[in-house]
Amino acid sequence: MFHVKHLENITDEDRWQAVLAKDRRFDGAFVTGVHSTGIYCRPSCPARVPLRKNVRFYPGPDEAATAGLRPCKRCSPNTQSAEEACVLAAIAAIRDQGAMTLDQLAELTGYTATHFQRLFKRTVGLSPAAFARALRERRVHEALTSGQRVTDALAMAGYTGPEQFYAETKGRLGMRASDWTRGGAGRVIHWAVLATSLGDMLVAATEAGVCCIAFGEGEAELRARFPKAELEPAGDAFRALFADVVQAVEQPGPGSAAIPLDIHGTAFQQRVWEELRRIPHGETRSYGELAAALGSPKASRAVGGANGANHIAVLIPCHRVIAADGTLGGYAYGLAIKAELLRREGA
């Protein structure tokens, strides 16, 4: 299916977990070859799960057939279901025409609007409207990073103008689209290194909000993160904001969600960061669980990459993501700080 086929770095362990869960969202991404029976199946096949030692994974039916396997009669992995065909047709239409109403998609596919909404979200992980928005944001980002003018990039992605783009992305992008093309040039970042019980902590902010929190870093590291921005020592205007950041570290609580942030990243990175902020205090998630919450359960490695690109420790709480086996996993500022943050939050 669409979202699975476009995921990178899928491992055999990832595929096996999809088979155990009989997750139909992975149908079309690969087939499961069961060499003890000589058949191959969809990941969602309703038959009894085979022993792992008897299983090999193949990109598709042709590769499985070449290996001497025949298609399962229960799940018909060598044919495309009507539901799959309709979802792929809708995706193609959205890519070609832009956002479409549910009624238009229902007429295209022959389903009722309500049923197709459920079908599309179950398959892709997003509603048709959210998929169209994410597609447009990705197109803008790709165009801007390739050096195109802002107005040209917005028009190419289907926005009527900057006002619509900023309205739809408000609260997610932080820096404006024009800042992307110039690497933050022209932005003024106010910063300070503050003492905390976890060690010295760099805090930096623009007029819009906090853009960086990092333990054990200073001006040199901040300049490396934002090479084209103008850096200024924080004055009295930022005293209260920075005090709130220190409070969020020393005594974590839900109130930290009110601290304004100025962030920028790809559409996927920002989806990950938004999902991180939804993890309640005192709870943790594995990379796989976080990916599943985003509707892309095989994107664990991409989620890890987005975590690593996060400039704002604590307030975008990547420390709440742990390894699948329950151990702490990694952390940019050391496991001792990660463990203490989790302890303070009650995790």
C-alpha atoms as a PDB file:
ATOM      1  CA  MET A   1       0.000   0.000   0.000  1.00  0.00           C
ATOM      2  CA  PHE A   2       1.046   3.596  -0.482  1.00  0.00           C
ATOM      3  CA  HIS A   3       2.537   4.614   2.842  1.00  0.00           C
ATOM      4  CA  VAL A   4       4.375   1.319   3.315  1.00  0.00           C
ATOM      5  CA  LYS A   5       5.908   1.227  -0.129  1.00  0.00           C
ATOM      6  CA  HIS A   6       7.407   4.637   0.456  1.00  0.00           C
ATOM      7  CA  LEU A   7       8.982   3.816   3.817  1.00  0.00           C
ATOM      8  CA  GLU A   8      12.725   3.303   3.845  1.00  0.00           C
ATOM      9  CA  ASN A   9      14.946   0.949   5.823  1.00  0.00           C
ATOM     10  CA  ILE A  10      12.287  -1.648   6.608  1.00  0.00           C
ATOM     11  CA  THR A  11      13.976  -4.583   8.324  1.00  0.00           C
ATOM     12  CA  ASP A  12      12.942  -8.223   8.390  1.00  0.00           C
ATOM     13  CA  GLU A  13      12.159  -7.808  12.080  1.00  0.00           C
ATOM     14  CA  ASP A  14       9.800  -4.965  11.149  1.00  0.00           C
ATOM     15  CA  ARG A  15       8.140  -7.225   8.580  1.00  0.00           C
ATOM     16  CA  TRP A  16       7.797 -10.038  11.099  1.00  0.00           C
ATOM     17  CA  GLN A  17       6.103  -7.742  13.608  1.00  0.00           C
ATOM     18  CA  ALA A  18       3.631  -6.716  10.885  1.00  0.00           C
ATOM     19  CA  VAL A  19       2.875 -10.391  10.212  1.00  0.00           C
ATOM     20  CA  LEU A  20       2.318 -11.096  13.914  1.00  0.00           C
ATOM     21  CA  ALA A  21      -0.087  -8.140  14.055  1.00  0.00           C
ATOM     22  CA  LYS A  22      -1.743  -9.154  10.747  1.00  0.00           C
ATOM     23  CA  ASP A  23      -1.494  -5.485   9.856  1.00  0.00           C
ATOM     24  CA  ARG A  24      -3.240  -4.920   6.532  1.00  0.00           C
ATOM     25  CA  ARG A  25      -1.525  -1.565   6.118  1.00  0.00           C
ATOM     26  CA  PHE A  26       1.542  -3.516   4.990  1.00  0.00           C
ATOM     27  CA  ASP A  27      -0.244  -5.470   2.299  1.00  0.00           C
ATOM     28  CA  GLY A  28       1.545  -4.637  -0.918  1.00  0.00           C
ATOM     29  CA  ALA A  29       4.826  -3.713   0.749  1.00  0.00           C
ATOM     30  CA  PHE A  30       6.088  -7.313   0.792  1.00  0.00           C
ATOM     31  CA  VAL A  31       4.874 -10.908   0.854  1.00  0.00           C
ATOM     32  CA  THR A  32       5.611 -13.591   3.421  1.00  0.00           C
ATOM     33  CA  GLY A  33       7.118 -16.787   2.051  1.00  0.00           C
ATOM     34  CA  VAL A  34       6.422 -19.877   4.168  1.00  0.00           C
ATOM     35  CA  HIS A  35       8.887 -22.472   2.950  1.00  0.00           C
ATOM     36  CA  SER A  36       7.536 -25.285   5.098  1.00  0.00           C
ATOM     37  CA  THR A  37       4.258 -25.159   3.132  1.00  0.00           C
ATOM     38  CA  GLY A  38       5.509 -23.751  -0.161  1.00  0.00           C
ATOM     39  CA  ILE A  39       3.122 -20.772  -0.203  1.00  0.00           C
ATOM     40  CA  TYR A  40       3.393 -17.004   0.126  1.00  0.00           C
ATOM     41  CA  CYS A  41       0.889 -14.695   1.822  1.00  0.00           C
ATOM     42  CA  ARG A  42      -0.039 -11.113   2.505  1.00  0.00           C
ATOM     43  CA  PRO A  43       1.137  -9.768   5.892  1.00  0.00           C
ATOM     44  CA  SER A  44      -2.528  -9.653   6.960  1.00  0.00           C
ATOM     45  CA  CYS A  45      -3.321 -13.242   5.967  1.00  0.00           C
ATOM     46  CA  PRO A  46      -5.928 -14.668   8.387  1.00  0.00           C
ATOM     47  CA  ALA A  47      -4.238 -18.078   8.444  1.00  0.00           C
ATOM     48  CA  ARG A  48      -2.298 -19.229  11.496  1.00  0.00           C
ATOM     49  CA  VAL A  49       1.017 -17.434  11.892  1.00  0.00           C
ATOM     50  CA  PRO A  50       3.881 -19.709  10.753  1.00  0.00           C
ATOM     51  CA  LEU A  51       7.056 -20.391  12.708  1.00  0.00           C
ATOM     52  CA  ARG A  52       9.609 -17.658  12.220  1.00  0.00           C
ATOM     53  CA  LYS A  53      12.307 -20.144  11.159  1.00  0.00           C
ATOM     54  CA  ASN A  54      10.192 -21.174   8.158  1.00  0.00           C
ATOM     55  CA  VAL A  55       9.609 -17.622   6.896  1.00  0.00           C
ATOM     56  CA  ARG A  56      11.412 -15.538   4.308  1.00  0.00           C
ATOM     57  CA  PHE A  57      10.240 -12.176   3.015  1.00  0.00           C
ATOM     58  CA  TYR A  58      10.046 -11.165  -0.637  1.00  0.00           C
ATOM     59  CA  PRO A  59       9.431  -7.744  -2.235  1.00  0.00           C
ATOM     60  CA  GLY A  60       6.417  -9.030  -4.152  1.00  0.00           C
ATOM     61  CA  PRO A  61       4.609 -11.977  -5.779  1.00  0.00           C
ATOM     62  CA  ASP A  62       7.035 -12.256  -8.704  1.00  0.00           C
ATOM     63  CA  GLU A  63      10.047 -12.748  -6.442  1.00  0.00           C
ATOM     64  CA  ALA A  64       8.168 -15.285  -4.312  1.00  0.00           C
ATOM     65  CA  ALA A  65       7.091 -17.234  -7.398  1.00  0.00           C
ATOM     66  CA  THR A  66      10.675 -17.273  -8.675  1.00  0.00           C
ATOM     67  CA  ALA A  67      11.663 -18.852  -5.350  1.00  0.00           C
ATOM     68  CA  GLY A  68       9.211 -21.684  -6.096  1.00  0.00           C
ATOM     69  CA  LEU A  69       6.321 -20.562  -3.894  1.00  0.00           C
ATOM     70  CA  ARG A  70       2.637 -20.460  -4.855  1.00  0.00           C
ATOM     71  CA  PRO A  71       0.063 -17.877  -3.724  1.00  0.00           C
ATOM     72  CA  CYS A  72      -2.098 -18.519  -0.673  1.00  0.00           C
ATOM     73  CA  LYS A  73      -5.723 -19.221  -1.596  1.00  0.00           C
ATOM     74  CA  ARG A  74      -7.059 -17.506   1.533  1.00  0.00           C
ATOM     75  CA  CYS A  75      -5.488 -14.058   1.118  1.00  0.00           C
ATOM     76  CA  SER A  76      -4.744 -13.996  -2.662  1.00  0.00           C
ATOM     77  CA  PRO A  77      -1.464 -12.057  -2.344  1.00  0.00           C
ATOM     78  CA  ASN A  78      -1.001 -12.021  -6.132  1.00  0.00           C
ATOM     79  CA  THR A  79      -4.126  -9.963  -6.739  1.00  0.00           C
ATOM     80  CA  GLN A  80      -5.042  -6.427  -5.782  1.00  0.00           C
ATOM     81  CA  SER A  81      -8.232  -6.001  -3.812  1.00  0.00           C
ATOM     82  CA  ALA A  82     -10.907  -3.539  -4.861  1.00  0.00           C
ATOM     83  CA  GLU A  83     -10.243  -1.530  -1.698  1.00  0.00           C
ATOM     84  CA  GLU A  84      -6.524  -1.266  -2.464  1.00  0.00           C
ATOM     85  CA  ALA A  85      -7.243  -0.172  -6.026  1.00  0.00           C
ATOM     86  CA  CYS A  86      -9.631   2.537  -4.802  1.00  0.00           C
ATOM     87  CA  VAL A  87      -7.178   3.944  -2.286  1.00  0.00           C
ATOM     88  CA  LEU A  88      -4.393   4.025  -4.870  1.00  0.00           C
ATOM     89  CA  ALA A  89      -6.735   5.739  -7.336  1.00  0.00           C
ATOM     90  CA  ALA A  90      -7.594   8.368  -4.709  1.00  0.00           C
ATOM     91  CA  ILE A  91      -3.919   8.954  -3.915  1.00  0.00           C
ATOM     92  CA  ALA A  92      -3.165   9.413  -7.615  1.00  0.00           C
ATOM     93  CA  ALA A  93      -6.045  11.884  -7.933  1.00  0.00           C
ATOM     94  CA  ILE A  94      -4.916  13.911  -4.908  1.00  0.00           C
ATOM     95  CA  ARG A  95      -1.369  13.998  -6.242  1.00  0.00           C
ATOM     96  CA  ASP A  96      -2.628  15.204  -9.603  1.00  0.00           C
ATOM     97  CA  GLN A  97      -5.444  17.560  -8.583  1.00  0.00           C
ATOM     98  CA  GLY A  98      -4.625  18.529  -5.004  1.00  0.00           C
ATOM     99  CA  ALA A  99      -7.045  18.328  -2.080  1.00  0.00           C
ATOM    100  CA  MET A 100     -10.430  16.818  -2.928  1.00  0.00           C
ATOM    101  CA  THR A 101     -13.644  16.649  -0.915  1.00  0.00           C
ATOM    102  CA  LEU A 102     -14.845  13.366   0.517  1.00  0.00           C
ATOM    103  CA  ASP A 103     -17.821  13.502  -1.822  1.00  0.00           C
ATOM    104  CA  GLN A 104     -15.514  13.822  -4.835  1.00  0.00           C
ATOM    105  CA  LEU A 105     -13.409  10.890  -3.643  1.00  0.00           C
ATOM    106  CA  ALA A 106     -16.517   8.834  -2.938  1.00  0.00           C
ATOM    107  CA  GLU A 107     -17.781   9.467  -6.463  1.00  0.00           C
ATOM    108  CA  LEU A 108     -14.368   8.511  -7.858  1.00  0.00           C
ATOM    109  CA  THR A 109     -14.165   5.235  -5.934  1.00  0.00           C
ATOM    110  CA  GLY A 110     -17.787   4.173  -5.715  1.00  0.00           C
ATOM    111  CA  TYR A 111     -17.848   4.072  -1.911  1.00  0.00           C
ATOM    112  CA  THR A 112     -19.875   6.236   0.449  1.00  0.00           C
ATOM    113  CA  ALA A 113     -17.953   9.204   1.811  1.00  0.00           C
ATOM    114  CA  THR A 114     -17.966   7.874   5.387  1.00  0.00           C
ATOM    115  CA  HIS A 115     -16.801   4.395   4.404  1.00  0.00           C
ATOM    116  CA  PHE A 116     -14.050   5.713   2.149  1.00  0.00           C
ATOM    117  CA  GLN A 117     -12.786   8.052   4.884  1.00  0.00           C
ATOM    118  CA  ARG A 118     -12.351   5.051   7.211  1.00  0.00           C
ATOM    119  CA  LEU A 119     -10.801   2.930   4.460  1.00  0.00           C
ATOM    120  CA  PHE A 120      -8.310   5.604   3.432  1.00  0.00           C
ATOM    121  CA  LYS A 121      -7.203   6.365   6.990  1.00  0.00           C
ATOM    122  CA  ARG A 122      -6.856   2.672   7.848  1.00  0.00           C
ATOM    123  CA  THR A 123      -4.672   2.144   4.786  1.00  0.00           C
ATOM    124  CA  VAL A 124      -2.573   5.310   4.629  1.00  0.00           C
ATOM    125  CA  GLY A 125      -2.585   6.350   8.288  1.00  0.00           C
ATOM    126  CA  LEU A 126      -3.979   9.821   7.522  1.00  0.00           C
ATOM    127  CA  SER A 127      -7.350  11.166   6.456  1.00  0.00           C
ATOM    128  CA  PRO A 128      -7.552  12.278   2.790  1.00  0.00           C
ATOM    129  CA  ALA A 129      -7.486  15.922   3.884  1.00  0.00           C
ATOM    130  CA  ALA A 130      -4.457  15.427   6.157  1.00  0.00           C
ATOM    131  CA  PHE A 131      -2.695  13.475   3.409  1.00  0.00           C
ATOM    132  CA  ALA A 132      -3.266  16.320   0.942  1.00  0.00           C
ATOM    133  CA  ARG A 133      -1.954  18.891   3.444  1.00  0.00           C
ATOM    134  CA  ALA A 134       1.146  16.834   4.209  1.00  0.00           C
ATOM    135  CA  LEU A 135       1.776  16.354   0.506  1.00  0.00           C
ATOM    136  CA  ARG A 136       1.565  20.078  -0.148  1.00  0.00           C
ATOM    137  CA  GLU A 137       3.847  20.942   2.769  1.00  0.00           C
ATOM    138  CA  ARG A 138       6.409  18.398   1.570  1.00  0.00           C
ATOM    139  CA  ARG A 139       6.319  19.835  -1.938  1.00  0.00           C
ATOM    140  CA  VAL A 140       6.893  23.338  -0.582  1.00  0.00           C
ATOM    141  CA  HIS A 141       9.816  22.190   1.551  1.00  0.00           C
ATOM    142  CA  GLU A 142      11.421  20.299  -1.349  1.00  0.00           C
ATOM    143  CA  ALA A 143      11.027  23.303  -3.649  1.00  0.00           C
ATOM    144  CA  LEU A 144      12.418  25.763  -1.098  1.00  0.00           C
ATOM    145  CA  THR A 145      15.417  23.643  -0.219  1.00  0.00           C
ATOM    146  CA  SER A 146      16.211  23.301  -3.932  1.00  0.00           C
ATOM    147  CA  GLY A 147      16.497  27.090  -4.144  1.00  0.00           C
ATOM    148  CA  GLN A 148      13.181  28.138  -5.671  1.00  0.00           C
ATOM    149  CA  ARG A 149      11.554  31.436  -4.769  1.00  0.00           C
ATOM    150  CA  VAL A 150       8.920  31.292  -2.048  1.00  0.00           C
ATOM    151  CA  THR A 151       6.091  32.512  -4.292  1.00  0.00           C
ATOM    152  CA  ASP A 152       6.984  29.978  -6.983  1.00  0.00           C
ATOM    153  CA  ALA A 153       7.222  27.129  -4.460  1.00  0.00           C
ATOM    154  CA  LEU A 154       3.837  27.940  -2.925  1.00  0.00           C
ATOM    155  CA  ALA A 155       2.156  28.191  -6.314  1.00  0.00           C
ATOM    156  CA  MET A 156       3.686  24.913  -7.478  1.00  0.00           C
ATOM    157  CA  ALA A 157       2.363  23.173  -4.351  1.00  0.00           C
ATOM    158  CA  GLY A 158      -1.157  24.484  -4.959  1.00  0.00           C
ATOM    159  CA  TYR A 159      -1.423  27.238  -2.362  1.00  0.00           C
ATOM    160  CA  THR A 160      -3.370  30.337  -3.372  1.00  0.00           C
ATOM    161  CA  GLY A 161      -0.726  32.500  -1.710  1.00  0.00           C
ATOM    162  CA  PRO A 162       1.471  32.983   1.363  1.00  0.00           C
ATOM    163  CA  GLU A 163      -1.530  33.766   3.566  1.00  0.00           C
ATOM    164  CA  GLN A 164      -3.068  30.342   3.002  1.00  0.00           C
ATOM    165  CA  PHE A 165       0.264  28.591   3.540  1.00  0.00           C
ATOM    166  CA  TYR A 166       0.992  30.378   6.822  1.00  0.00           C
ATOM    167  CA  ALA A 167      -2.582  29.853   8.052  1.00  0.00           C
ATOM    168  CA  GLU A 168      -2.450  26.095   7.419  1.00  0.00           C
ATOM    169  CA  THR A 169       1.009  25.618   8.919  1.00  0.00           C
ATOM    170  CA  LYS A 170       0.654  27.997  11.866  1.00  0.00           C
ATOM    171  CA  GLY A 171       2.029  26.466  15.050  1.00  0.00           C
ATOM    172  CA  ARG A 172       4.052  23.831  13.199  1.00  0.00           C
ATOM    173  CA  LEU A 173       6.670  25.605  11.152  1.00  0.00           C
ATOM    174  CA  GLY A 174       7.812  28.395  13.464  1.00  0.00           C
ATOM    175  CA  MET A 175      10.174  30.058  11.019  1.00  0.00           C
ATOM    176  CA  ARG A 176       8.541  31.313   7.862  1.00  0.00           C
ATOM    177  CA  ALA A 177       9.071  29.692   4.491  1.00  0.00           C
ATOM    178  CA  SER A 178      11.414  32.470   3.375  1.00  0.00           C
ATOM    179  CA  ASP A 179      13.700  31.612   6.313  1.00  0.00           C
ATOM    180  CA  TRP A 180      14.116  28.075   5.015  1.00  0.00           C
ATOM    181  CA  THR A 181      15.684  29.239   1.772  1.00  0.00           C
ATOM    182  CA  ARG A 182      18.185  31.442   3.625  1.00  0.00           C
ATOM    183  CA  GLY A 183      19.119  29.027   6.400  1.00  0.00           C
ATOM    184  CA  GLY A 184      17.752  31.334   9.083  1.00  0.00           C
ATOM    185  CA  ALA A 185      19.614  34.379   7.771  1.00  0.00           C
ATOM    186  CA  GLY A 186      18.153  37.581   9.145  1.00  0.00           C
ATOM    187  CA  ARG A 187      16.801  35.914  12.279  1.00  0.00           C
ATOM    188  CA  VAL A 188      17.983  37.205  15.668  1.00  0.00           C
ATOM    189  CA  ILE A 189      18.491  34.494  18.281  1.00  0.00           C
ATOM    190  CA  HIS A 190      18.879  35.476  21.935  1.00  0.00           C
ATOM    191  CA  TRP A 191      20.760  32.991  24.089  1.00  0.00           C
ATOM    192  CA  ALA A 192      22.160  32.227  27.513  1.00  0.00           C
ATOM    193  CA  VAL A 193      23.844  29.353  29.333  1.00  0.00           C
ATOM    194  CA  LEU A 194      21.958  28.677  32.563  1.00  0.00           C
ATOM    195  CA  ALA A 195      22.884  26.586  35.589  1.00  0.00           C
ATOM    196  CA  THR A 196      20.562  23.678  36.409  1.00  0.00           C
ATOM    197  CA  SER A 197      20.757  20.638  38.660  1.00  0.00           C
ATOM    198  CA  LEU A 198      21.483  18.615  35.508  1.00  0.00           C
ATOM    199  CA  GLY A 199      24.407  20.816  34.520  1.00  0.00           C
ATOM    200  CA  ASP A 200      24.805  23.890  32.356  1.00  0.00           C
ATOM    201  CA  MET A 201      22.026  24.281  29.815  1.00  0.00           C
ATOM    202  CA  LEU A 202      21.998  26.386  26.652  1.00  0.00           C
ATOM    203  CA  VAL A 203      18.682  28.135  26.012  1.00  0.00           C
ATOM    204  CA  ALA A 204      18.030  30.181  22.863  1.00  0.00           C
ATOM    205  CA  ALA A 205      14.942  31.922  21.569  1.00  0.00           C
ATOM    206  CA  THR A 206      13.667  34.229  18.867  1.00  0.00           C
ATOM    207  CA  GLU A 207      10.861  36.718  19.294  1.00  0.00           C
ATOM    208  CA  ALA A 208       8.482  33.865  18.409  1.00  0.00           C
ATOM    209  CA  GLY A 209       9.649  31.406  21.049  1.00  0.00           C
ATOM    210  CA  VAL A 210      12.308  28.941  22.191  1.00  0.00           C
ATOM    211  CA  CYS A 211      14.348  27.535  19.303  1.00  0.00           C
ATOM    212  CA  CYS A 212      17.061  25.588  21.136  1.00  0.00           C
ATOM    213  CA  ILE A 213      17.636  23.848  24.474  1.00  0.00           C
ATOM    214  CA  ALA A 214      20.775  21.755  24.887  1.00  0.00           C
ATOM    215  CA  PHE A 215      22.783  20.461  27.841  1.00  0.00           C
ATOM    216  CA  GLY A 216      26.528  21.053  27.922  1.00  0.00           C
ATOM    217  CA  GLU A 217      26.563  23.359  24.899  1.00  0.00           C
ATOM    218  CA  GLY A 218      27.383  27.030  24.386  1.00  0.00           C
ATOM    219  CA  GLU A 219      27.697  29.728  21.765  1.00  0.00           C
ATOM    220  CA  ALA A 220      29.906  27.702  19.422  1.00  0.00           C
ATOM    221  CA  GLU A 221      27.420  24.845  19.235  1.00  0.00           C
ATOM    222  CA  LEU A 222      24.517  27.267  18.823  1.00  0.00           C
ATOM    223  CA  ARG A 223      26.306  28.950  15.930  1.00  0.00           C
ATOM    224  CA  ALA A 224      26.851  25.558  14.318  1.00  0.00           C
ATOM    225  CA  ARG A 225      23.123  24.830  14.584  1.00  0.00           C
ATOM    226  CA  PHE A 226      22.102  28.229  13.178  1.00  0.00           C
ATOM    227  CA  PRO A 227      25.095  29.370  11.073  1.00  0.00           C
ATOM    228  CA  LYS A 228      23.308  32.239   9.319  1.00  0.00           C
ATOM    229  CA  ALA A 229      21.394  33.702  12.249  1.00  0.00           C
ATOM    230  CA  GLU A 230      22.472  36.719  14.292  1.00  0.00           C
ATOM    231  CA  LEU A 231      23.252  35.680  17.876  1.00  0.00           C
ATOM    232  CA  GLU A 232      22.790  38.055  20.813  1.00  0.00           C
ATOM    233  CA  PRO A 233      23.114  37.462  24.584  1.00  0.00           C
ATOM    234  CA  ALA A 234      19.638  37.352  26.093  1.00  0.00           C
ATOM    235  CA  GLY A 235      18.518  40.499  27.885  1.00  0.00           C
ATOM    236  CA  ASP A 236      15.796  41.266  30.390  1.00  0.00           C
ATOM    237  CA  ALA A 237      13.073  40.754  27.772  1.00  0.00           C
ATOM    238  CA  PHE A 238      13.797  37.005  27.819  1.00  0.00           C
ATOM    239  CA  ARG A 239      14.323  36.614  31.554  1.00  0.00           C
ATOM    240  CA  ALA A 240      10.824  35.305  32.321  1.00  0.00           C
ATOM    241  CA  LEU A 241      10.804  32.947  29.319  1.00  0.00           C
ATOM    242  CA  PHE A 242      14.163  31.443  30.220  1.00  0.00           C
ATOM    243  CA  ALA A 243      13.087  31.080  33.855  1.00  0.00           C
ATOM    244  CA  ASP A 244      10.084  29.060  32.656  1.00  0.00           C
ATOM    245  CA  VAL A 245      12.452  26.773  30.718  1.00  0.00           C
ATOM    246  CA  VAL A 246      14.594  26.146  33.805  1.00  0.00           C
ATOM    247  CA  GLN A 247      11.431  25.440  35.810  1.00  0.00           C
ATOM    248  CA  ALA A 248      10.375  22.869  33.194  1.00  0.00           C
ATOM    249  CA  VAL A 249      13.670  21.051  33.766  1.00  0.00           C
ATOM    250  CA  GLU A 250      13.757  21.273  37.546  1.00  0.00           C
ATOM    251  CA  GLN A 251      10.068  20.549  38.187  1.00  0.00           C
ATOM    252  CA  PRO A 252       8.484  19.032  35.065  1.00  0.00           C
ATOM    253  CA  GLY A 253       4.762  19.462  34.682  1.00  0.00           C
ATOM    254  CA  PRO A 254       2.000  20.030  32.123  1.00  0.00           C
ATOM    255  CA  GLY A 255       2.511  23.794  32.384  1.00  0.00           C
ATOM    256  CA  SER A 256       5.597  23.555  30.169  1.00  0.00           C
ATOM    257  CA  ALA A 257       3.286  23.014  27.191  1.00  0.00           C
ATOM    258  CA  ALA A 258       2.439  26.719  27.348  1.00  0.00           C
ATOM    259  CA  ILE A 259       6.038  27.787  26.641  1.00  0.00           C
ATOM    260  CA  PRO A 260       6.114  29.124  23.038  1.00  0.00           C
ATOM    261  CA  LEU A 261       8.399  27.361  20.569  1.00  0.00           C
ATOM    262  CA  ASP A 262       9.945  28.503  17.310  1.00  0.00           C
ATOM    263  CA  ILE A 263      10.748  25.347  15.381  1.00  0.00           C
ATOM    264  CA  HIS A 264      11.292  24.377  11.792  1.00  0.00           C
ATOM    265  CA  GLY A 265      11.797  21.075  10.029  1.00  0.00           C
ATOM    266  CA  THR A 266      10.344  18.830   7.386  1.00  0.00           C
ATOM    267  CA  ALA A 267       6.661  17.937   7.503  1.00  0.00           C
ATOM    268  CA  PHE A 268       7.539  14.478   8.870  1.00  0.00           C
ATOM    269  CA  GLN A 269       9.892  15.840  11.524  1.00  0.00           C
ATOM    270  CA  GLN A 270       7.243  18.215  12.769  1.00  0.00           C
ATOM    271  CA  ARG A 271       4.662  15.421  12.914  1.00  0.00           C
ATOM    272  CA  VAL A 272       7.104  13.445  15.071  1.00  0.00           C
ATOM    273  CA  TRP A 273       7.778  16.436  17.325  1.00  0.00           C
ATOM    274  CA  GLU A 274       4.062  17.116  17.732  1.00  0.00           C
ATOM    275  CA  GLU A 275       3.490  13.460  18.660  1.00  0.00           C
ATOM    276  CA  LEU A 276       6.340  13.622  21.190  1.00  0.00           C
ATOM    277  CA  ARG A 277       4.609  16.529  22.904  1.00  0.00           C
ATOM    278  CA  ARG A 278       1.445  14.425  23.188  1.00  0.00           C
ATOM    279  CA  ILE A 279       3.177  11.771  25.312  1.00  0.00           C
ATOM    280  CA  PRO A 280       1.863  12.409  28.845  1.00  0.00           C
ATOM    281  CA  HIS A 281       4.236  13.199  31.690  1.00  0.00           C
ATOM    282  CA  GLY A 282       5.233   9.993  33.417  1.00  0.00           C
ATOM    283  CA  GLU A 283       4.869   7.849  30.286  1.00  0.00           C
ATOM    284  CA  THR A 284       7.260   6.615  27.620  1.00  0.00           C
ATOM    285  CA  ARG A 285       6.949   5.226  24.087  1.00  0.00           C
ATOM    286  CA  SER A 286       9.175   3.027  21.967  1.00  0.00           C
ATOM    287  CA  TYR A 287      10.227   4.171  18.507  1.00  0.00           C
ATOM    288  CA  GLY A 288       7.834   1.611  17.051  1.00  0.00           C
ATOM    289  CA  GLU A 289       4.934   2.843  19.174  1.00  0.00           C
ATOM    290  CA  LEU A 290       5.642   6.426  18.172  1.00  0.00           C
ATOM    291  CA  ALA A 291       5.761   5.447  14.508  1.00  0.00           C
ATOM    292  CA  ALA A 292       2.468   3.574  14.849  1.00  0.00           C
ATOM    293  CA  ALA A 293       0.844   6.619  16.475  1.00  0.00           C
ATOM    294  CA  LEU A 294       1.853   8.599  13.383  1.00  0.00           C
ATOM    295  CA  GLY A 295       0.147   6.059  11.128  1.00  0.00           C
ATOM    296  CA  SER A 296       3.500   4.815   9.777  1.00  0.00           C
ATOM    297  CA  PRO A 297       4.340   1.800  11.942  1.00  0.00           C
ATOM    298  CA  LYS A 298       7.356   0.799   9.867  1.00  0.00           C
ATOM    299  CA  ALA A 299       9.023   4.204  10.113  1.00  0.00           C
ATOM    300  CA  SER A 300      10.871   3.539  13.386  1.00  0.00           C
ATOM    301  CA  ARG A 301      14.215   4.558  11.937  1.00  0.00           C
ATOM    302  CA  ALA A 302      12.774   7.701  10.387  1.00  0.00           C
ATOM    303  CA  VAL A 303      11.283   8.549  13.783  1.00  0.00           C
ATOM    304  CA  GLY A 304      14.733   8.088  15.308  1.00  0.00           C
ATOM    305  CA  GLY A 305      16.166  10.476  12.732  1.00  0.00           C
ATOM    306  CA  ALA A 306      13.536  13.095  13.548  1.00  0.00           C
ATOM    307  CA  ASN A 307      14.363  12.702  17.238  1.00  0.00           C
ATOM    308  CA  GLY A 308      18.008  13.348  16.458  1.00  0.00           C
ATOM    309  CA  ALA A 309      17.112  16.504  14.506  1.00  0.00           C
ATOM    310  CA  ASN A 310      15.254  17.966  17.489  1.00  0.00           C
ATOM    311  CA  HIS A 311      16.992  21.125  18.754  1.00  0.00           C
ATOM    312  CA  ILE A 312      14.701  21.628  21.741  1.00  0.00           C
ATOM    313  CA  ALA A 313      15.402  19.206  24.585  1.00  0.00           C
ATOM    314  CA  VAL A 314      12.829  18.668  27.348  1.00  0.00           C
ATOM    315  CA  LEU A 315      10.072  20.811  25.788  1.00  0.00           C
ATOM    316  CA  ILE A 316      10.018  18.499  22.775  1.00  0.00           C
ATOM    317  CA  PRO A 317      10.522  15.459  24.980  1.00  0.00           C
ATOM    318  CA  CYS A 318      12.535  12.993  22.918  1.00  0.00           C
ATOM    319  CA  HIS A 319      13.805  11.642  26.258  1.00  0.00           C
ATOM    320  CA  ARG A 320      10.413   9.916  26.586  1.00  0.00           C
ATOM    321  CA  VAL A 321      11.282   7.579  23.696  1.00  0.00           C
ATOM    322  CA  ILE A 322      12.961   4.363  24.812  1.00  0.00           C
ATOM    323  CA  ALA A 323      14.100   1.124  23.196  1.00  0.00           C
ATOM    324  CA  ALA A 324      11.592  -1.611  22.359  1.00  0.00           C
ATOM    325  CA  ASP A 325      13.006  -3.857  25.116  1.00  0.00           C
ATOM    326  CA  GLY A 326      12.279  -1.227  27.773  1.00  0.00           C
ATOM    327  CA  THR A 327      15.858  -0.022  28.199  1.00  0.00           C
ATOM    328  CA  LEU A 328      16.642   3.675  27.905  1.00  0.00           C
ATOM    329  CA  GLY A 329      18.192   3.510  24.441  1.00  0.00           C
ATOM    330  CA  GLY A 330      20.274   6.524  23.412  1.00  0.00           C
ATOM    331  CA  TYR A 331      20.164  10.226  24.205  1.00  0.00           C
ATOM    332  CA  ALA A 332      22.188  13.104  22.783  1.00  0.00           C
ATOM    333  CA  TYR A 333      23.035  14.494  26.239  1.00  0.00           C
ATOM    334  CA  GLY A 334      23.825  11.215  27.973  1.00  0.00           C
ATOM    335  CA  LEU A 335      21.770   8.497  29.616  1.00  0.00           C
ATOM    336  CA  ALA A 336      22.254   9.949  33.115  1.00  0.00           C
ATOM    337  CA  ILE A 337      20.317  13.091  32.141  1.00  0.00           C
ATOM    338  CA  LYS A 338      17.688  11.047  30.313  1.00  0.00           C
ATOM    339  CA  ALA A 339      17.163   8.774  33.308  1.00  0.00           C
ATOM    340  CA  GLU A 340      16.888  11.728  35.682  1.00  0.00           C
ATOM    341  CA  LEU A 341      14.363  13.547  33.457  1.00  0.00           C
ATOM    342  CA  LEU A 342      12.227  10.419  33.359  1.00  0.00           C
ATOM    343  CA  ARG A 343      12.548   9.975  37.107  1.00  0.00           C
ATOM    344  CA  ARG A 344      11.379  13.522  37.700  1.00  0.00           C
ATOM    345  CA  GLU A 345       8.414  12.974  35.424  1.00  0.00           C
ATOM    346  CA  GLY A 346       7.530   9.774  37.251  1.00  0.00           C
ATOM    347  CA  ALA A 347       8.183   7.430  34.318  1.00  0.00           C
END
